[in-house]
Amino acid sequence: MSCARVREFLSHQGVLFEDRNISEDPRAKAEYAAGGYEYLPVTLIDGQPIFGALIETITQALRA
């Protein structure tokens, strides 16, 4: 699953992150819907969403 791939990548990089599961957390689900997001996972870096398990894009955003 792509969510697990992103979690594993961030953990291996030593990046602190908040894991939010929209299936289990009603507040996270509401925020996901309010943001108009349509894809999972959504990784927010400095407020900018990255959709999908795009490891190279996430890496570049972390370096910026």
N, C-alpha and C. Protein backbone atom coordinates (compact mmCIF):
# COMPACT_ATOMS: atom_id res chain seq x y z
N MET A 1 0.84 -1.19 0.00
CA MET A 1 0.00 0.00 0.00
C MET A 1 0.89 1.24 0.00
N SER A 2 0.48 2.25 -0.72
CA SER A 2 1.31 3.43 -0.86
C SER A 2 1.43 4.24 0.43
N CYS A 3 0.41 4.20 1.29
CA CYS A 3 0.51 4.90 2.58
C CYS A 3 1.65 4.31 3.40
N ALA A 4 1.72 2.99 3.43
CA ALA A 4 2.78 2.31 4.17
C ALA A 4 4.15 2.64 3.58
N ARG A 5 4.23 2.75 2.28
CA ARG A 5 5.50 3.08 1.62
C ARG A 5 5.99 4.46 2.05
N VAL A 6 5.09 5.43 2.10
CA VAL A 6 5.47 6.78 2.52
C VAL A 6 5.89 6.78 3.98
N ARG A 7 5.12 6.11 4.83
CA ARG A 7 5.48 6.02 6.26
C ARG A 7 6.86 5.41 6.44
N GLU A 8 7.12 4.31 5.74
CA GLU A 8 8.41 3.64 5.84
C GLU A 8 9.54 4.56 5.37
N PHE A 9 9.34 5.23 4.26
CA PHE A 9 10.35 6.15 3.73
C PHE A 9 10.66 7.25 4.74
N LEU A 10 9.62 7.92 5.24
CA LEU A 10 9.83 9.02 6.18
C LEU A 10 10.52 8.53 7.45
N SER A 11 10.13 7.38 7.95
CA SER A 11 10.76 6.81 9.14
C SER A 11 12.23 6.54 8.90
N HIS A 12 12.55 5.93 7.76
CA HIS A 12 13.95 5.61 7.45
C HIS A 12 14.80 6.87 7.27
N GLN A 13 14.16 7.96 6.85
CA GLN A 13 14.87 9.23 6.68
C GLN A 13 15.00 10.00 7.99
N GLY A 14 14.35 9.51 9.04
CA GLY A 14 14.40 10.19 10.32
C GLY A 14 13.51 11.43 10.39
N VAL A 15 12.53 11.49 9.51
CA VAL A 15 11.62 12.63 9.45
C VAL A 15 10.50 12.43 10.47
N LEU A 16 10.30 13.41 11.31
CA LEU A 16 9.17 13.37 12.23
C LEU A 16 7.91 13.71 11.45
N PHE A 17 6.87 12.92 11.63
CA PHE A 17 5.62 13.18 10.91
C PHE A 17 4.44 12.71 11.73
N GLU A 18 3.29 13.24 11.37
CA GLU A 18 2.04 12.85 12.00
C GLU A 18 1.29 11.96 11.03
N ASP A 19 1.03 10.74 11.43
CA ASP A 19 0.30 9.78 10.61
C ASP A 19 -1.18 9.89 10.94
N ARG A 20 -1.98 10.22 9.95
CA ARG A 20 -3.41 10.41 10.17
C ARG A 20 -4.18 9.47 9.25
N ASN A 21 -5.02 8.65 9.85
CA ASN A 21 -5.77 7.64 9.11
C ASN A 21 -7.22 8.10 8.99
N ILE A 22 -7.66 8.42 7.77
CA ILE A 22 -9.02 8.92 7.59
C ILE A 22 -10.07 7.84 7.80
N SER A 23 -9.66 6.59 7.82
CA SER A 23 -10.60 5.50 8.10
C SER A 23 -10.91 5.38 9.58
N GLU A 24 -9.99 5.86 10.41
CA GLU A 24 -10.13 5.70 11.86
C GLU A 24 -10.32 7.00 12.62
N ASP A 25 -10.02 8.13 11.99
CA ASP A 25 -10.05 9.42 12.67
C ASP A 25 -11.04 10.36 11.97
N PRO A 26 -12.21 10.57 12.57
CA PRO A 26 -13.22 11.42 11.94
C PRO A 26 -12.72 12.85 11.66
N ARG A 27 -11.90 13.38 12.55
CA ARG A 27 -11.37 14.73 12.33
C ARG A 27 -10.46 14.76 11.10
N ALA A 28 -9.61 13.75 10.97
CA ALA A 28 -8.73 13.66 9.81
C ALA A 28 -9.55 13.50 8.53
N LYS A 29 -10.60 12.72 8.60
CA LYS A 29 -11.47 12.52 7.43
C LYS A 29 -12.13 13.83 7.02
N ALA A 30 -12.60 14.61 8.00
CA ALA A 30 -13.24 15.89 7.72
C ALA A 30 -12.25 16.87 7.09
N GLU A 31 -11.02 16.90 7.61
CA GLU A 31 -10.00 17.79 7.06
C GLU A 31 -9.61 17.37 5.64
N TYR A 32 -9.56 16.06 5.40
CA TYR A 32 -9.26 15.54 4.06
C TYR A 32 -10.35 16.01 3.08
N ALA A 33 -11.60 15.86 3.48
CA ALA A 33 -12.72 16.27 2.63
C ALA A 33 -12.72 17.78 2.41
N ALA A 34 -12.48 18.54 3.47
CA ALA A 34 -12.47 20.00 3.37
C ALA A 34 -11.35 20.50 2.47
N GLY A 35 -10.25 19.76 2.42
CA GLY A 35 -9.13 20.14 1.57
C GLY A 35 -9.37 19.83 0.10
N GLY A 36 -10.44 19.08 -0.17
CA GLY A 36 -10.74 18.72 -1.55
C GLY A 36 -9.82 17.66 -2.12
N TYR A 37 -9.12 16.96 -1.25
CA TYR A 37 -8.19 15.93 -1.71
C TYR A 37 -8.95 14.74 -2.27
N GLU A 38 -8.40 14.12 -3.31
CA GLU A 38 -9.05 12.98 -3.94
C GLU A 38 -8.17 11.74 -3.97
N TYR A 39 -6.93 11.87 -3.57
CA TYR A 39 -5.98 10.76 -3.66
C TYR A 39 -5.34 10.49 -2.31
N LEU A 40 -4.95 9.25 -2.13
CA LEU A 40 -4.21 8.83 -0.94
C LEU A 40 -2.91 8.20 -1.38
N PRO A 41 -1.88 8.34 -0.63
CA PRO A 41 -1.77 9.20 0.54
C PRO A 41 -1.60 10.65 0.13
N VAL A 42 -1.85 11.53 1.08
CA VAL A 42 -1.55 12.95 0.93
C VAL A 42 -0.45 13.25 1.94
N THR A 43 0.66 13.73 1.45
CA THR A 43 1.77 14.13 2.32
C THR A 43 1.86 15.65 2.26
N LEU A 44 1.71 16.29 3.40
CA LEU A 44 1.83 17.75 3.44
C LEU A 44 3.21 18.13 3.94
N ILE A 45 3.92 18.90 3.13
CA ILE A 45 5.24 19.40 3.51
C ILE A 45 5.19 20.91 3.37
N ASP A 46 5.36 21.59 4.48
CA ASP A 46 5.24 23.06 4.52
C ASP A 46 3.92 23.51 3.93
N GLY A 47 2.85 22.75 4.22
CA GLY A 47 1.52 23.11 3.77
C GLY A 47 1.20 22.75 2.34
N GLN A 48 2.17 22.22 1.62
CA GLN A 48 1.96 21.86 0.22
C GLN A 48 1.67 20.36 0.11
N PRO A 49 0.54 19.99 -0.53
CA PRO A 49 0.21 18.57 -0.64
C PRO A 49 0.98 17.86 -1.75
N ILE A 50 1.37 16.64 -1.45
CA ILE A 50 1.94 15.74 -2.45
C ILE A 50 1.04 14.53 -2.45
N PHE A 51 0.47 14.22 -3.61
CA PHE A 51 -0.50 13.13 -3.73
C PHE A 51 0.18 11.87 -4.23
N GLY A 52 -0.05 10.78 -3.53
CA GLY A 52 0.52 9.50 -3.93
C GLY A 52 1.86 9.26 -3.26
N ALA A 53 2.39 8.07 -3.49
CA ALA A 53 3.68 7.68 -2.90
C ALA A 53 4.82 8.09 -3.82
N LEU A 54 4.92 9.38 -4.07
CA LEU A 54 5.93 9.91 -4.97
C LEU A 54 7.19 10.24 -4.17
N ILE A 55 7.98 9.21 -3.94
CA ILE A 55 9.14 9.32 -3.05
C ILE A 55 10.13 10.37 -3.54
N GLU A 56 10.37 10.44 -4.82
CA GLU A 56 11.32 11.44 -5.33
C GLU A 56 10.80 12.85 -5.10
N THR A 57 9.51 13.07 -5.31
CA THR A 57 8.91 14.38 -5.08
C THR A 57 8.96 14.75 -3.61
N ILE A 58 8.68 13.79 -2.75
CA ILE A 58 8.75 14.02 -1.30
C ILE A 58 10.18 14.36 -0.91
N THR A 59 11.14 13.64 -1.45
CA THR A 59 12.56 13.90 -1.16
C THR A 59 12.93 15.32 -1.55
N GLN A 60 12.52 15.75 -2.73
CA GLN A 60 12.84 17.11 -3.19
C GLN A 60 12.18 18.16 -2.29
N ALA A 61 10.94 17.91 -1.87
CA ALA A 61 10.24 18.87 -1.01
C ALA A 61 10.91 18.96 0.36
N LEU A 62 11.42 17.86 0.85
CA LEU A 62 12.10 17.87 2.15
C LEU A 62 13.42 18.64 2.08
N ARG A 63 14.05 18.64 0.93
CA ARG A 63 15.32 19.34 0.75
C ARG A 63 15.15 20.83 0.54
N ALA A 64 13.96 21.23 0.13
CA ALA A 64 13.71 22.66 -0.20
C ALA A 64 13.67 23.51 1.06
